[in-house]
C-alpha atoms as a PDB file:
ATOM      1  CA  MET A   1     133.345  59.580 106.797  1.00  0.00           C
ATOM      2  CA  PHE A   2     131.264  59.331 110.103  1.00  0.00           C
ATOM      3  CA  LEU A   3     128.888  61.812 111.922  1.00  0.00           C
ATOM      4  CA  VAL A   4     131.337  63.469 114.926  1.00  0.00           C
ATOM      5  CA  TYR A   5     128.370  65.536 115.985  1.00  0.00           C
ATOM      6  CA  LYS A   6     124.682  66.818 115.782  1.00  0.00           C
ATOM      7  CA  SER A   7     123.627  69.818 118.127  1.00  0.00           C
ATOM      8  CA  PRO A   8     120.340  69.177 119.880  1.00  0.00           C
ATOM      9  CA  GLU A   9     117.337  71.026 118.776  1.00  0.00           C
ATOM     10  CA  GLN A  10     116.721  74.283 119.801  1.00  0.00           C
ATOM     11  CA  THR A  11     112.992  74.805 120.157  1.00  0.00           C
ATOM     12  CA  LYS A  12     110.630  76.396 122.730  1.00  0.00           C
ATOM     13  CA  GLY A  13     108.609  73.115 122.379  1.00  0.00           C
ATOM     14  CA  PHE A  14     107.743  70.429 119.924  1.00  0.00           C
ATOM     15  CA  ASN A  15     107.105  71.712 116.752  1.00  0.00           C
ATOM     16  CA  PHE A  16     107.777  75.396 117.953  1.00  0.00           C
ATOM     17  CA  PRO A  17     111.070  76.237 116.776  1.00  0.00           C
ATOM     18  CA  TYR A  18     112.568  79.716 117.477  1.00  0.00           C
ATOM     19  CA  GLN A  19     111.798  82.042 114.311  1.00  0.00           C
ATOM     20  CA  ILE A  20     114.743  84.371 113.917  1.00  0.00           C
ATOM     21  CA  GLY A  21     113.795  87.862 112.368  1.00  0.00           C
ATOM     22  CA  ASN A  22     111.349  90.823 112.745  1.00  0.00           C
ATOM     23  CA  PRO A  23     108.837  90.123 114.176  1.00  0.00           C
ATOM     24  CA  GLY A  24     110.526  86.885 115.913  1.00  0.00           C
ATOM     25  CA  ASP A  25     112.831  85.982 118.392  1.00  0.00           C
ATOM     26  CA  SER A  26     116.165  87.425 118.752  1.00  0.00           C
ATOM     27  CA  PRO A  27     119.429  86.086 117.623  1.00  0.00           C
ATOM     28  CA  THR A  28     120.412  85.971 121.164  1.00  0.00           C
ATOM     29  CA  SER A  29     117.716  83.379 122.021  1.00  0.00           C
ATOM     30  CA  ALA A  30     120.381  80.802 120.206  1.00  0.00           C
ATOM     31  CA  ILE A  31     122.459  78.791 122.528  1.00  0.00           C
ATOM     32  CA  PRO A  32     125.844  79.543 121.207  1.00  0.00           C
ATOM     33  CA  GLN A  33     128.306  76.351 120.620  1.00  0.00           C
ATOM     34  CA  ILE A  34     132.235  76.292 120.057  1.00  0.00           C
ATOM     35  CA  HIS A  35     133.588  73.370 118.206  1.00  0.00           C
ATOM     36  CA  GLU A  36     136.882  72.505 117.082  1.00  0.00           C
ATOM     37  CA  VAL A  37     136.821  71.964 113.353  1.00  0.00           C
ATOM     38  CA  ASN A  38     139.723  70.125 111.482  1.00  0.00           C
ATOM     39  CA  ASP A  39     141.027  70.678 108.360  1.00  0.00           C
ATOM     40  CA  MET A  40     139.227  68.577 106.033  1.00  0.00           C
ATOM     41  CA  ASP A  41     135.808  68.206 108.225  1.00  0.00           C
ATOM     42  CA  ILE A  42     132.391  68.815 106.400  1.00  0.00           C
ATOM     43  CA  VAL A  43     129.897  70.606 108.475  1.00  0.00           C
ATOM     44  CA  VAL A  44     126.156  70.444 107.600  1.00  0.00           C
ATOM     45  CA  VAL A  45     124.017  73.474 108.478  1.00  0.00           C
ATOM     46  CA  GLY A  46     120.526  73.420 108.084  1.00  0.00           C
ATOM     47  CA  SER A  47     117.441  74.670 109.725  1.00  0.00           C
ATOM     48  CA  ASP A  48     114.071  72.170 110.629  1.00  0.00           C
ATOM     49  CA  GLY A  49     113.468  72.086 107.293  1.00  0.00           C
ATOM     50  CA  LEU A  50     116.216  69.942 106.481  1.00  0.00           C
ATOM     51  CA  PHE A  51     116.764  68.187 109.658  1.00  0.00           C
ATOM     52  CA  ASP A  52     112.678  67.483 110.135  1.00  0.00           C
ATOM     53  CA  ASN A  53     112.719  65.404 106.545  1.00  0.00           C
ATOM     54  CA  VAL A  54     116.147  64.025 106.096  1.00  0.00           C
ATOM     55  CA  ASP A  55     117.781  62.102 108.398  1.00  0.00           C
ATOM     56  CA  ASN A  56     121.539  61.660 109.102  1.00  0.00           C
ATOM     57  CA  GLU A  57     122.020  58.825 106.938  1.00  0.00           C
ATOM     58  CA  MET A  58     120.332  60.149 104.225  1.00  0.00           C
ATOM     59  CA  ILE A  59     122.651  63.169 104.213  1.00  0.00           C
ATOM     60  CA  MET A  60     125.692  60.885 104.776  1.00  0.00           C
ATOM     61  CA  GLU A  61     124.739  59.185 101.677  1.00  0.00           C
ATOM     62  CA  ILE A  62     124.449  62.290  99.464  1.00  0.00           C
ATOM     63  CA  LEU A  63     127.656  63.452 100.643  1.00  0.00           C
ATOM     64  CA  GLN A  64     129.699  60.194 100.322  1.00  0.00           C
ATOM     65  CA  LYS A  65     128.623  60.341  96.626  1.00  0.00           C
ATOM     66  CA  GLU A  66     130.099  63.539  96.425  1.00  0.00           C
ATOM     67  CA  VAL A  67     133.313  63.504  98.203  1.00  0.00           C
ATOM     68  CA  ASN A  68     136.480  62.342  96.310  1.00  0.00           C
ATOM     69  CA  GLU A  69     139.395  60.363  97.499  1.00  0.00           C
ATOM     70  CA  SER A  70     140.965  63.754  99.147  1.00  0.00           C
ATOM     71  CA  ARG A  71     137.918  64.071 101.346  1.00  0.00           C
ATOM     72  CA  LYS A  72     137.129  67.068  98.936  1.00  0.00           C
ATOM     73  CA  ILE A  73     133.578  67.549  98.020  1.00  0.00           C
ATOM     74  CA  ASN A  74     133.428  67.648  94.100  1.00  0.00           C
ATOM     75  CA  ASP A  75     130.599  69.783  93.486  1.00  0.00           C
ATOM     76  CA  ILE A  76     128.904  71.471  96.772  1.00  0.00           C
ATOM     77  CA  LYS A  77     126.446  73.328  94.696  1.00  0.00           C
ATOM     78  CA  LYS A  78     125.110  69.656  93.625  1.00  0.00           C
ATOM     79  CA  VAL A  79     125.394  68.500  96.976  1.00  0.00           C
ATOM     80  CA  CYS A  80     123.351  71.701  98.479  1.00  0.00           C
ATOM     81  CA  LEU A  81     120.334  70.968  95.681  1.00  0.00           C
ATOM     82  CA  GLU A  82     119.993  67.704  96.370  1.00  0.00           C
ATOM     83  CA  LEU A  83     119.639  67.891  99.995  1.00  0.00           C
ATOM     84  CA  GLY A  84     117.095  70.685  99.532  1.00  0.00           C
ATOM     85  CA  ASN A  85     115.579  68.830  96.871  1.00  0.00           C
ATOM     86  CA  LEU A  86     115.303  65.794  99.096  1.00  0.00           C
ATOM     87  CA  ALA A  87     114.007  67.754 101.901  1.00  0.00           C
ATOM     88  CA  TYR A  88     111.344  69.154 100.086  1.00  0.00           C
ATOM     89  CA  ARG A  89     110.042  66.124  98.312  1.00  0.00           C
ATOM     90  CA  LEU A  90     110.132  64.163 101.582  1.00  0.00           C
ATOM     91  CA  SER A  91     108.476  66.914 103.339  1.00  0.00           C
ATOM     92  CA  LEU A  92     105.528  66.194 100.533  1.00  0.00           C
ATOM     93  CA  ASP A  93     105.335  62.848 101.098  1.00  0.00           C
ATOM     94  CA  LYS A  94     102.162  61.804 103.836  1.00  0.00           C
ATOM     95  CA  PHE A  95     103.205  58.263 103.624  1.00  0.00           C
ATOM     96  CA  ILE A  96     106.726  58.250 104.624  1.00  0.00           C
ATOM     97  CA  PHE A  97     107.945  57.772 108.182  1.00  0.00           C
ATOM     98  CA  ILE A  98     110.422  60.735 108.669  1.00  0.00           C
ATOM     99  CA  PHE A  99     112.444  62.107 111.658  1.00  0.00           C
ATOM    100  CA  PHE A 100     109.587  64.423 112.489  1.00  0.00           C
ATOM    101  CA  SER A 101     107.209  61.959 112.625  1.00  0.00           C
ATOM    102  CA  LYS A 102     109.308  59.815 114.930  1.00  0.00           C
ATOM    103  CA  LYS A 103     109.249  62.715 117.211  1.00  0.00           C
ATOM    104  CA  PHE A 104     105.903  63.340 116.922  1.00  0.00           C
ATOM    105  CA  GLU A 105     105.140  59.577 117.931  1.00  0.00           C
ATOM    106  CA  LYS A 106     106.915  60.228 121.614  1.00  0.00           C
END
């Protein structure tokens, strides 16, 4: 298993993501992208709540534990809960050097 593509952040500036909703930014503010997805590909979709706290390697570790030899996810609900719980726990940890911290240093 390997990462094929990660889209760039779509923000107005550092720590200033688009806020879709009412009031907020229009969904047309997003940069549309088209990608070829093959049978058995795994697509991870998330917001800054996930990707600011959980790096690619952590996501891959969780996925690899749940992907069987047929390249199917055994329990997608378990994967989603584990990713969400990890993102939440890491967001509360003031001492961990996370992806967001790396961006802040730049």
